């Protein structure tokens, strides 16, 4: 997937980067990158999902 951003008129580089970051977050790329940053063993993933699904006690 390629994200293309074209600058608008007199848009500064900071504004352009802000729009790019918002678009990346909207597409879910930041979550995906963080998730793939470290390898997670299948057993660890299963345990994490079990903990997440477990009902919480007050």
PDB file of N, CA and C in Angstrom:
ATOM      1  N   UNK A   1       0.845  -1.165   0.000  1.00  0.00           N
ATOM      2  CA  UNK A   1       0.000   0.000   0.000  1.00  0.00           C
ATOM      3  C   UNK A   1       0.899   1.238   0.000  1.00  0.00           C
ATOM      4  N   UNK A   2       0.615   2.138  -0.887  1.00  0.00           N
ATOM      5  CA  UNK A   2       1.384   3.369  -0.961  1.00  0.00           C
ATOM      6  C   UNK A   2       0.483   4.535  -0.587  1.00  0.00           C
ATOM      7  N   UNK A   3       1.009   5.384   0.264  1.00  0.00           N
ATOM      8  CA  UNK A   3       0.270   6.578   0.657  1.00  0.00           C
ATOM      9  C   UNK A   3       0.934   7.767  -0.017  1.00  0.00           C
ATOM     10  N   UNK A   4       0.150   8.514  -0.728  1.00  0.00           N
ATOM     11  CA  UNK A   4       0.684   9.685  -1.420  1.00  0.00           C
ATOM     12  C   UNK A   4       0.032  10.928  -0.858  1.00  0.00           C
ATOM     13  N   UNK A   5       0.859  11.906  -0.588  1.00  0.00           N
ATOM     14  CA  UNK A   5       0.388  13.183  -0.063  1.00  0.00           C
ATOM     15  C   UNK A   5       0.918  14.273  -0.984  1.00  0.00           C
ATOM     16  N   UNK A   6       0.040  15.091  -1.484  1.00  0.00           N
ATOM     17  CA  UNK A   6       0.456  16.224  -2.300  1.00  0.00           C
ATOM     18  C   UNK A   6       0.284  17.491  -1.472  1.00  0.00           C
ATOM     19  N   UNK A   7       1.256  18.366  -1.569  1.00  0.00           N
ATOM     20  CA  UNK A   7       1.155  19.600  -0.797  1.00  0.00           C
ATOM     21  C   UNK A   7       0.108  20.512  -1.422  1.00  0.00           C
ATOM     22  N   UNK A   8      -0.553  21.231  -0.557  1.00  0.00           N
ATOM     23  CA  UNK A   8      -1.601  22.151  -0.981  1.00  0.00           C
ATOM     24  C   UNK A   8      -1.060  23.570  -0.945  1.00  0.00           C
ATOM     25  N   UNK A   9      -1.061  24.245  -2.024  1.00  0.00           N
ATOM     26  CA  UNK A   9      -0.715  25.663  -2.087  1.00  0.00           C
ATOM     27  C   UNK A   9       0.497  26.051  -1.266  1.00  0.00           C
ATOM     28  N   UNK A  10       0.265  26.852  -0.229  1.00  0.00           N
ATOM     29  CA  UNK A  10       1.341  27.355   0.624  1.00  0.00           C
ATOM     30  C   UNK A  10       1.474  26.538   1.893  1.00  0.00           C
ATOM     31  N   UNK A  11       1.299  25.235   1.807  1.00  0.00           N
ATOM     32  CA  UNK A  11       1.354  24.373   2.988  1.00  0.00           C
ATOM     33  C   UNK A  11       2.804  24.150   3.411  1.00  0.00           C
ATOM     34  N   UNK A  12       3.067  24.292   4.700  1.00  0.00           N
ATOM     35  CA  UNK A  12       4.421  24.102   5.204  1.00  0.00           C
ATOM     36  C   UNK A  12       4.718  22.614   5.355  1.00  0.00           C
ATOM     37  N   UNK A  13       5.984  22.296   5.552  1.00  0.00           N
ATOM     38  CA  UNK A  13       6.403  20.902   5.717  1.00  0.00           C
ATOM     39  C   UNK A  13       5.800  20.303   6.986  1.00  0.00           C
ATOM     40  N   UNK A  14       5.662  21.104   8.046  1.00  0.00           N
ATOM     41  CA  UNK A  14       5.082  20.620   9.296  1.00  0.00           C
ATOM     42  C   UNK A  14       3.613  20.225   9.094  1.00  0.00           C
ATOM     43  N   UNK A  15       2.875  21.046   8.378  1.00  0.00           N
ATOM     44  CA  UNK A  15       1.469  20.742   8.110  1.00  0.00           C
ATOM     45  C   UNK A  15       1.343  19.492   7.244  1.00  0.00           C
ATOM     46  N   UNK A  16       2.243  19.345   6.294  1.00  0.00           N
ATOM     47  CA  UNK A  16       2.244  18.182   5.423  1.00  0.00           C
ATOM     48  C   UNK A  16       2.513  16.914   6.221  1.00  0.00           C
ATOM     49  N   UNK A  17       3.494  16.956   7.119  1.00  0.00           N
ATOM     50  CA  UNK A  17       3.815  15.801   7.955  1.00  0.00           C
ATOM     51  C   UNK A  17       2.659  15.471   8.892  1.00  0.00           C
ATOM     52  N   UNK A  18       1.981  16.487   9.428  1.00  0.00           N
ATOM     53  CA  UNK A  18       0.836  16.269  10.304  1.00  0.00           C
ATOM     54  C   UNK A  18      -0.274  15.535   9.558  1.00  0.00           C
ATOM     55  N   UNK A  19      -0.552  15.968   8.321  1.00  0.00           N
ATOM     56  CA  UNK A  19      -1.562  15.289   7.516  1.00  0.00           C
ATOM     57  C   UNK A  19      -1.163  13.854   7.206  1.00  0.00           C
ATOM     58  N   UNK A  20       0.126  13.648   6.926  1.00  0.00           N
ATOM     59  CA  UNK A  20       0.620  12.302   6.639  1.00  0.00           C
ATOM     60  C   UNK A  20       0.459  11.386   7.850  1.00  0.00           C
ATOM     61  N   UNK A  21       0.813  11.861   9.030  1.00  0.00           N
ATOM     62  CA  UNK A  21       0.680  11.061  10.250  1.00  0.00           C
ATOM     63  C   UNK A  21      -0.773  10.713  10.536  1.00  0.00           C
ATOM     64  N   UNK A  22      -1.674  11.675  10.357  1.00  0.00           N
ATOM     65  CA  UNK A  22      -3.102  11.413  10.582  1.00  0.00           C
ATOM     66  C   UNK A  22      -3.611  10.362   9.608  1.00  0.00           C
ATOM     67  N   UNK A  23      -3.166  10.437   8.368  1.00  0.00           N
ATOM     68  CA  UNK A  23      -3.594   9.469   7.364  1.00  0.00           C
ATOM     69  C   UNK A  23      -3.072   8.073   7.695  1.00  0.00           C
ATOM     70  N   UNK A  24      -1.837   7.995   8.173  1.00  0.00           N
ATOM     71  CA  UNK A  24      -1.266   6.699   8.568  1.00  0.00           C
ATOM     72  C   UNK A  24      -2.044   6.106   9.737  1.00  0.00           C
ATOM     73  N   UNK A  25      -2.404   6.914  10.721  1.00  0.00           N
ATOM     74  CA  UNK A  25      -3.178   6.428  11.852  1.00  0.00           C
ATOM     75  C   UNK A  25      -4.563   5.973  11.400  1.00  0.00           C
ATOM     76  N   UNK A  26      -5.165   6.712  10.481  1.00  0.00           N
ATOM     77  CA  UNK A  26      -6.487   6.365   9.980  1.00  0.00           C
ATOM     78  C   UNK A  26      -6.460   5.019   9.257  1.00  0.00           C
ATOM     79  N   UNK A  27      -5.394   4.752   8.529  1.00  0.00           N
ATOM     80  CA  UNK A  27      -5.261   3.498   7.794  1.00  0.00           C
ATOM     81  C   UNK A  27      -4.848   2.339   8.693  1.00  0.00           C
ATOM     82  N   UNK A  28      -4.446   2.636   9.933  1.00  0.00           N
ATOM     83  CA  UNK A  28      -4.064   1.582  10.865  1.00  0.00           C
ATOM     84  C   UNK A  28      -2.619   1.142  10.727  1.00  0.00           C
ATOM     85  N   UNK A  29      -1.808   1.920  10.054  1.00  0.00           N
ATOM     86  CA  UNK A  29      -0.417   1.535   9.841  1.00  0.00           C
ATOM     87  C   UNK A  29       0.411   1.613  11.114  1.00  0.00           C
ATOM     88  N   UNK A  30       0.135   2.585  11.970  1.00  0.00           N
ATOM     89  CA  UNK A  30       0.943   2.722  13.180  1.00  0.00           C
ATOM     90  C   UNK A  30       0.738   1.536  14.110  1.00  0.00           C
ATOM     91  N   UNK A  31      -0.501   1.056  14.237  1.00  0.00           N
ATOM     92  CA  UNK A  31      -0.761  -0.119  15.068  1.00  0.00           C
ATOM     93  C   UNK A  31      -0.060  -1.340  14.498  1.00  0.00           C
ATOM     94  N   UNK A  32      -0.135  -1.476  13.189  1.00  0.00           N
ATOM     95  CA  UNK A  32       0.471  -2.634  12.531  1.00  0.00           C
ATOM     96  C   UNK A  32       1.985  -2.624  12.705  1.00  0.00           C
ATOM     97  N   UNK A  33       2.595  -1.476  12.591  1.00  0.00           N
ATOM     98  CA  UNK A  33       4.051  -1.364  12.741  1.00  0.00           C
ATOM     99  C   UNK A  33       4.460  -1.695  14.169  1.00  0.00           C
ATOM    100  N   UNK A  34       3.729  -1.176  15.151  1.00  0.00           N
ATOM    101  CA  UNK A  34       4.049  -1.483  16.542  1.00  0.00           C
ATOM    102  C   UNK A  34       3.882  -2.966  16.834  1.00  0.00           C
ATOM    103  N   UNK A  35       2.843  -3.567  16.250  1.00  0.00           N
ATOM    104  CA  UNK A  35       2.579  -4.976  16.482  1.00  0.00           C
ATOM    105  C   UNK A  35       3.701  -5.840  15.898  1.00  0.00           C
ATOM    106  N   UNK A  36       4.254  -5.444  14.772  1.00  0.00           N
ATOM    107  CA  UNK A  36       5.286  -6.230  14.104  1.00  0.00           C
ATOM    108  C   UNK A  36       6.700  -5.845  14.526  1.00  0.00           C
ATOM    109  N   UNK A  37       6.823  -4.916  15.459  1.00  0.00           N
ATOM    110  CA  UNK A  37       8.138  -4.448  15.880  1.00  0.00           C
ATOM    111  C   UNK A  37       8.936  -5.566  16.550  1.00  0.00           C
ATOM    112  N   UNK A  38       8.273  -6.397  17.323  1.00  0.00           N
ATOM    113  CA  UNK A  38       8.913  -7.508  18.006  1.00  0.00           C
ATOM    114  C   UNK A  38       8.176  -8.792  17.659  1.00  0.00           C
ATOM    115  N   UNK A  39       8.925  -9.880  17.545  1.00  0.00           N
ATOM    116  CA  UNK A  39       8.307 -11.165  17.244  1.00  0.00           C
ATOM    117  C   UNK A  39       7.602 -11.686  18.495  1.00  0.00           C
ATOM    118  N   UNK A  40       6.403 -12.167  18.307  1.00  0.00           N
ATOM    119  CA  UNK A  40       5.631 -12.733  19.407  1.00  0.00           C
ATOM    120  C   UNK A  40       5.343 -14.192  19.065  1.00  0.00           C
ATOM    121  N   UNK A  41       5.762 -15.081  19.938  1.00  0.00           N
ATOM    122  CA  UNK A  41       5.533 -16.497  19.704  1.00  0.00           C
ATOM    123  C   UNK A  41       4.029 -16.768  19.704  1.00  0.00           C
ATOM    124  N   UNK A  42       3.605 -17.785  18.944  1.00  0.00           N
ATOM    125  CA  UNK A  42       2.177 -18.097  18.907  1.00  0.00           C
ATOM    126  C   UNK A  42       1.591 -18.390  20.289  1.00  0.00           C
ATOM    127  N   UNK A  43       2.358 -19.063  21.158  1.00  0.00           N
ATOM    128  CA  UNK A  43       1.847 -19.348  22.500  1.00  0.00           C
ATOM    129  C   UNK A  43       1.671 -18.058  23.303  1.00  0.00           C
ATOM    130  N   UNK A  44       2.595 -17.111  23.144  1.00  0.00           N
ATOM    131  CA  UNK A  44       2.472 -15.824  23.839  1.00  0.00           C
ATOM    132  C   UNK A  44       1.255 -15.051  23.327  1.00  0.00           C
ATOM    133  N   UNK A  45       1.030 -15.110  22.020  1.00  0.00           N
ATOM    134  CA  UNK A  45      -0.119 -14.427  21.440  1.00  0.00           C
ATOM    135  C   UNK A  45      -1.422 -15.018  21.983  1.00  0.00           C
ATOM    136  N   UNK A  46      -1.464 -16.353  22.063  1.00  0.00           N
ATOM    137  CA  UNK A  46      -2.653 -17.024  22.571  1.00  0.00           C
ATOM    138  C   UNK A  46      -2.911 -16.642  24.022  1.00  0.00           C
ATOM    139  N   UNK A  47      -1.862 -16.624  24.848  1.00  0.00           N
ATOM    140  CA  UNK A  47      -2.010 -16.249  26.255  1.00  0.00           C
ATOM    141  C   UNK A  47      -2.448 -14.796  26.400  1.00  0.00           C
ATOM    142  N   UNK A  48      -1.918 -13.916  25.561  1.00  0.00           N
ATOM    143  CA  UNK A  48      -2.294 -12.503  25.623  1.00  0.00           C
ATOM    144  C   UNK A  48      -3.771 -12.332  25.273  1.00  0.00           C
ATOM    145  N   UNK A  49      -4.221 -13.046  24.238  1.00  0.00           N
ATOM    146  CA  UNK A  49      -5.625 -12.940  23.846  1.00  0.00           C
ATOM    147  C   UNK A  49      -6.542 -13.519  24.918  1.00  0.00           C
ATOM    148  N   UNK A  50      -6.110 -14.587  25.598  1.00  0.00           N
ATOM    149  CA  UNK A  50      -6.909 -15.159  26.688  1.00  0.00           C
ATOM    150  C   UNK A  50      -7.051 -14.148  27.838  1.00  0.00           C
ATOM    151  N   UNK A  51      -5.947 -13.510  28.197  1.00  0.00           N
ATOM    152  CA  UNK A  51      -5.985 -12.516  29.275  1.00  0.00           C
ATOM    153  C   UNK A  51      -6.888 -11.350  28.902  1.00  0.00           C
ATOM    154  N   UNK A  52      -6.835 -10.956  27.642  1.00  0.00           N
ATOM    155  CA  UNK A  52      -7.642  -9.827  27.187  1.00  0.00           C
ATOM    156  C   UNK A  52      -9.130 -10.179  27.219  1.00  0.00           C
ATOM    157  N   UNK A  53      -9.465 -11.416  26.895  1.00  0.00           N
ATOM    158  CA  UNK A  53     -10.862 -11.839  26.835  1.00  0.00           C
ATOM    159  C   UNK A  53     -11.433 -12.197  28.216  1.00  0.00           C
ATOM    160  N   UNK A  54     -10.571 -12.433  29.184  1.00  0.00           N
ATOM    161  CA  UNK A  54     -11.040 -12.844  30.524  1.00  0.00           C
ATOM    162  C   UNK A  54     -11.847 -11.717  31.172  1.00  0.00           C
ATOM    163  N   UNK A  55     -12.921 -12.066  31.842  1.00  0.00           N
ATOM    164  CA  UNK A  55     -13.713 -11.037  32.528  1.00  0.00           C
ATOM    165  C   UNK A  55     -12.909 -10.436  33.681  1.00  0.00           C
ATOM    166  N   UNK A  56     -13.094  -9.180  33.868  1.00  0.00           N
ATOM    167  CA  UNK A  56     -12.356  -8.496  34.933  1.00  0.00           C
ATOM    168  C   UNK A  56     -13.183  -8.478  36.211  1.00  0.00           C
ATOM    169  N   UNK A  57     -12.500  -8.721  37.300  1.00  0.00           N
ATOM    170  CA  UNK A  57     -13.185  -8.690  38.602  1.00  0.00           C
ATOM    171  C   UNK A  57     -12.945  -7.339  39.263  1.00  0.00           C
ATOM    172  N   UNK A  58     -13.967  -6.802  39.903  1.00  0.00           N
ATOM    173  CA  UNK A  58     -13.806  -5.489  40.559  1.00  0.00           C
ATOM    174  C   UNK A  58     -12.971  -5.561  41.811  1.00  0.00           C
TER     175      UNK A  58
END
